[in-house]
């Protein structure tokens, strides 16, 4: 028991009175740490000021409503006119319907490639046409757009998995939506 008592008393650190303080001469290491901390604070301040200045100077370009409205990130091909899209959409729709022969022969990979090729052209044409229509005529076209291309994606996945029943269900949905689309246009 006697051996434990000295260990316990040594483990307790000496208490320093809060009223008593002594001045310690800073060492070289503490000076280096202080300089690093000061440099770090200055670097952060300079970085923050530089960021703030660049935002303020570029504010017109970033926050200007006229500039923002001028940006157009659409799928419309710049050289494609509405008339070209309307004349080509029937041919691209026919190409999508002609994928049936590949699906009948269960050439899944070839059917997927052909479907992707023809659907991308149809998507561009349809998007150009939708953008040219007045606002009140767009919702039914957008709905058909959604039906067609969600079924194209589903058909693509079903063909990858060689799920014939789902392939034919998606194909029928595409054909019905294309008929509705071509009757509207």
Protein backbone atom coordinates (compact mmCIF):
# COMPACT_ATOMS: atom_id res chain seq x y z
CA UNK A 1 0.00 0.00 0.00
CA UNK A 2 2.87 2.31 0.70
CA UNK A 3 4.25 1.88 -2.83
CA UNK A 4 1.00 3.05 -4.42
CA UNK A 5 0.69 6.26 -2.43
CA UNK A 6 3.84 7.96 -3.83
CA UNK A 7 2.70 7.16 -7.40
CA UNK A 8 -0.67 8.77 -6.81
CA UNK A 9 0.80 11.89 -5.33
CA UNK A 10 3.25 12.20 -8.22
CA UNK A 11 0.47 11.83 -10.82
CA UNK A 12 -1.27 14.96 -9.60
CA UNK A 13 0.28 18.02 -11.29
CA UNK A 14 1.22 20.97 -9.16
CA UNK A 15 -1.43 23.64 -8.90
CA UNK A 16 -0.64 27.15 -10.03
CA UNK A 17 -2.43 30.03 -8.45
CA UNK A 18 -4.39 32.18 -10.98
CA UNK A 19 -3.05 35.33 -9.37
CA UNK A 20 0.55 34.31 -9.74
CA UNK A 21 2.09 34.51 -13.17
CA UNK A 22 5.60 34.64 -14.31
CA UNK A 23 7.11 36.02 -17.43
CA UNK A 24 8.83 33.46 -19.63
CA UNK A 25 11.26 34.60 -22.26
CA UNK A 26 10.04 33.32 -25.65
CA UNK A 27 12.26 30.75 -27.22
CA UNK A 28 13.28 30.59 -30.86
CA UNK A 29 10.70 27.84 -31.52
CA UNK A 30 7.84 29.87 -30.07
CA UNK A 31 8.87 32.85 -32.23
CA UNK A 32 8.78 30.66 -35.35
CA UNK A 33 5.34 29.32 -34.41
CA UNK A 34 4.08 32.87 -33.85
CA UNK A 35 5.44 34.00 -37.23
CA UNK A 36 3.85 31.00 -38.97
CA UNK A 37 0.49 31.74 -37.34
CA UNK A 38 0.73 35.40 -38.35
CA UNK A 39 1.67 34.46 -41.91
CA UNK A 40 -1.21 31.99 -42.05
CA UNK A 41 -3.69 34.64 -40.89
CA UNK A 42 -2.37 37.13 -43.44
CA UNK A 43 -2.58 34.55 -46.23
CA UNK A 44 -6.20 33.80 -45.35
CA UNK A 45 -7.06 37.50 -45.24
CA UNK A 46 -5.39 38.17 -48.58
CA UNK A 47 -7.17 35.18 -50.11
CA UNK A 48 -10.53 36.32 -48.78
CA UNK A 49 -9.97 39.87 -50.03
CA UNK A 50 -8.90 38.63 -53.47
CA UNK A 51 -12.00 36.43 -53.71
CA UNK A 52 -14.29 39.26 -52.65
CA UNK A 53 -12.72 41.68 -55.13
CA UNK A 54 -13.00 39.21 -58.00
CA UNK A 55 -16.67 38.57 -57.19
CA UNK A 56 -17.40 42.29 -57.02
CA UNK A 57 -15.56 43.04 -60.25
CA UNK A 58 -17.13 40.12 -62.09
CA UNK A 59 -20.53 40.79 -60.51
CA UNK A 60 -21.96 42.33 -63.66
CA UNK A 61 -21.07 39.28 -65.71
CA UNK A 62 -22.32 36.84 -63.10
CA UNK A 63 -25.43 38.51 -61.76
CA UNK A 64 -26.57 40.51 -64.78
CA UNK A 65 -29.98 39.19 -65.77
CA UNK A 66 -29.62 40.16 -69.43
CA UNK A 67 -26.37 38.23 -69.71
CA UNK A 68 -27.87 35.18 -67.99
CA UNK A 69 -30.88 35.18 -70.31
CA UNK A 70 -28.53 35.28 -73.28
CA UNK A 71 -27.04 31.89 -72.44
CA UNK A 72 -28.72 29.00 -74.19
CA UNK A 73 -27.77 25.45 -73.22
CA UNK A 74 -30.24 23.56 -75.35
CA UNK A 75 -30.19 20.46 -77.51
CA UNK A 76 -31.11 22.43 -80.59
CA UNK A 77 -28.53 22.10 -83.30
CA UNK A 78 -27.47 25.62 -84.31
CA UNK A 79 -27.64 24.84 -88.01
CA UNK A 80 -30.99 23.00 -87.85
CA UNK A 81 -34.09 25.03 -88.61
CA UNK A 82 -37.61 24.19 -87.53
CA UNK A 83 -38.54 23.41 -91.13
CA UNK A 84 -35.67 20.93 -91.42
CA UNK A 85 -36.64 19.30 -88.13
CA UNK A 86 -40.28 18.96 -89.22
CA UNK A 87 -39.27 17.43 -92.56
CA UNK A 88 -36.76 15.00 -91.02
CA UNK A 89 -38.77 13.88 -87.99
CA UNK A 90 -40.94 11.46 -90.00
CA UNK A 91 -37.88 9.72 -91.45
CA UNK A 92 -36.25 9.39 -88.04
CA UNK A 93 -39.50 8.09 -86.55
CA UNK A 94 -39.69 5.53 -89.38
CA UNK A 95 -36.10 4.43 -88.60
CA UNK A 96 -37.12 3.84 -84.98
CA UNK A 97 -40.11 1.76 -86.05
CA UNK A 98 -37.90 -0.25 -88.43
CA UNK A 99 -35.93 -1.54 -85.43
CA UNK A 100 -38.75 -4.09 -85.19
CA UNK A 101 -37.02 -6.34 -87.74
CA UNK A 102 -33.92 -6.50 -85.54
CA UNK A 103 -36.05 -7.16 -82.46
CA UNK A 104 -37.91 -9.96 -84.30
CA UNK A 105 -34.61 -11.66 -85.09
CA UNK A 106 -33.49 -11.07 -81.48
CA UNK A 107 -30.34 -9.25 -82.61
CA UNK A 108 -30.25 -7.41 -79.32
CA UNK A 109 -26.89 -5.62 -79.65
CA UNK A 110 -27.52 -4.45 -83.21
CA UNK A 111 -31.03 -3.34 -82.26
CA UNK A 112 -29.64 -1.34 -79.34
CA UNK A 113 -27.13 0.46 -81.58
CA UNK A 114 -29.73 1.25 -84.24
CA UNK A 115 -32.24 2.39 -81.62
CA UNK A 116 -29.70 4.73 -80.03
CA UNK A 117 -28.72 6.20 -83.39
CA UNK A 118 -32.25 6.83 -84.62
CA UNK A 119 -33.54 8.02 -81.24
CA UNK A 120 -30.77 10.61 -80.89
CA UNK A 121 -31.71 12.11 -84.25
CA UNK A 122 -35.41 12.04 -83.37
CA UNK A 123 -34.67 13.63 -80.00
CA UNK A 124 -32.86 16.54 -81.64
CA UNK A 125 -35.67 17.07 -84.17
CA UNK A 126 -38.39 16.88 -81.55
CA UNK A 127 -36.59 19.23 -79.19
CA UNK A 128 -36.15 21.79 -81.98
CA UNK A 129 -39.86 21.57 -82.79
CA UNK A 130 -40.92 21.87 -79.13
CA UNK A 131 -38.73 24.96 -78.67
CA UNK A 132 -40.33 26.62 -81.70
CA UNK A 133 -43.91 26.12 -80.47
CA UNK A 134 -45.77 28.67 -78.35
CA UNK A 135 -45.98 27.93 -74.63
CA UNK A 136 -49.52 26.56 -74.62
CA UNK A 137 -48.70 23.95 -77.31
CA UNK A 138 -45.59 22.60 -75.59
CA UNK A 139 -46.99 20.45 -72.71
CA UNK A 140 -48.54 17.69 -74.86
CA UNK A 141 -45.38 17.53 -76.98
CA UNK A 142 -43.21 17.35 -73.87
CA UNK A 143 -45.36 14.54 -72.51
CA UNK A 144 -44.95 12.55 -75.73
CA UNK A 145 -41.22 13.33 -75.67
CA UNK A 146 -41.03 11.91 -72.15
CA UNK A 147 -43.04 8.78 -73.05
CA UNK A 148 -41.01 8.07 -76.17
CA UNK A 149 -37.57 8.47 -74.67
CA UNK A 150 -38.26 6.83 -71.33
CA UNK A 151 -39.50 3.80 -73.29
CA UNK A 152 -36.41 3.99 -75.53
CA UNK A 153 -34.22 3.81 -72.40
CA UNK A 154 -36.29 0.97 -70.95
CA UNK A 155 -36.17 -0.92 -74.26
CA UNK A 156 -32.39 -0.45 -74.36
CA UNK A 157 -32.03 -1.93 -70.86
CA UNK A 158 -34.46 -4.75 -71.65
CA UNK A 159 -32.54 -5.61 -74.84
CA UNK A 160 -29.31 -5.64 -72.85
CA UNK A 161 -30.90 -8.08 -70.41
CA UNK A 162 -32.53 -9.98 -73.33
CA UNK A 163 -35.96 -9.61 -71.71
CA UNK A 164 -38.17 -10.12 -74.78
CA UNK A 165 -41.52 -9.40 -73.10
CA UNK A 166 -40.35 -6.03 -71.76
CA UNK A 167 -38.72 -5.20 -75.11
CA UNK A 168 -42.03 -5.69 -76.92
CA UNK A 169 -44.00 -3.74 -74.32
CA UNK A 170 -41.64 -0.77 -74.65
CA UNK A 171 -41.64 -1.04 -78.44
CA UNK A 172 -45.45 -0.90 -78.54
CA UNK A 173 -45.45 2.15 -76.25
CA UNK A 174 -42.94 3.87 -78.54
CA UNK A 175 -45.02 3.15 -81.66
CA UNK A 176 -48.22 4.47 -80.05
CA UNK A 177 -46.46 7.63 -78.83
CA UNK A 178 -44.87 8.19 -82.25
CA UNK A 179 -48.28 7.88 -83.93
CA UNK A 180 -49.70 10.45 -81.51
CA UNK A 181 -46.72 12.74 -82.07
CA UNK A 182 -46.90 12.61 -85.85
CA UNK A 183 -50.64 13.30 -85.77
CA UNK A 184 -50.02 16.47 -83.72
CA UNK A 185 -47.17 17.72 -85.88
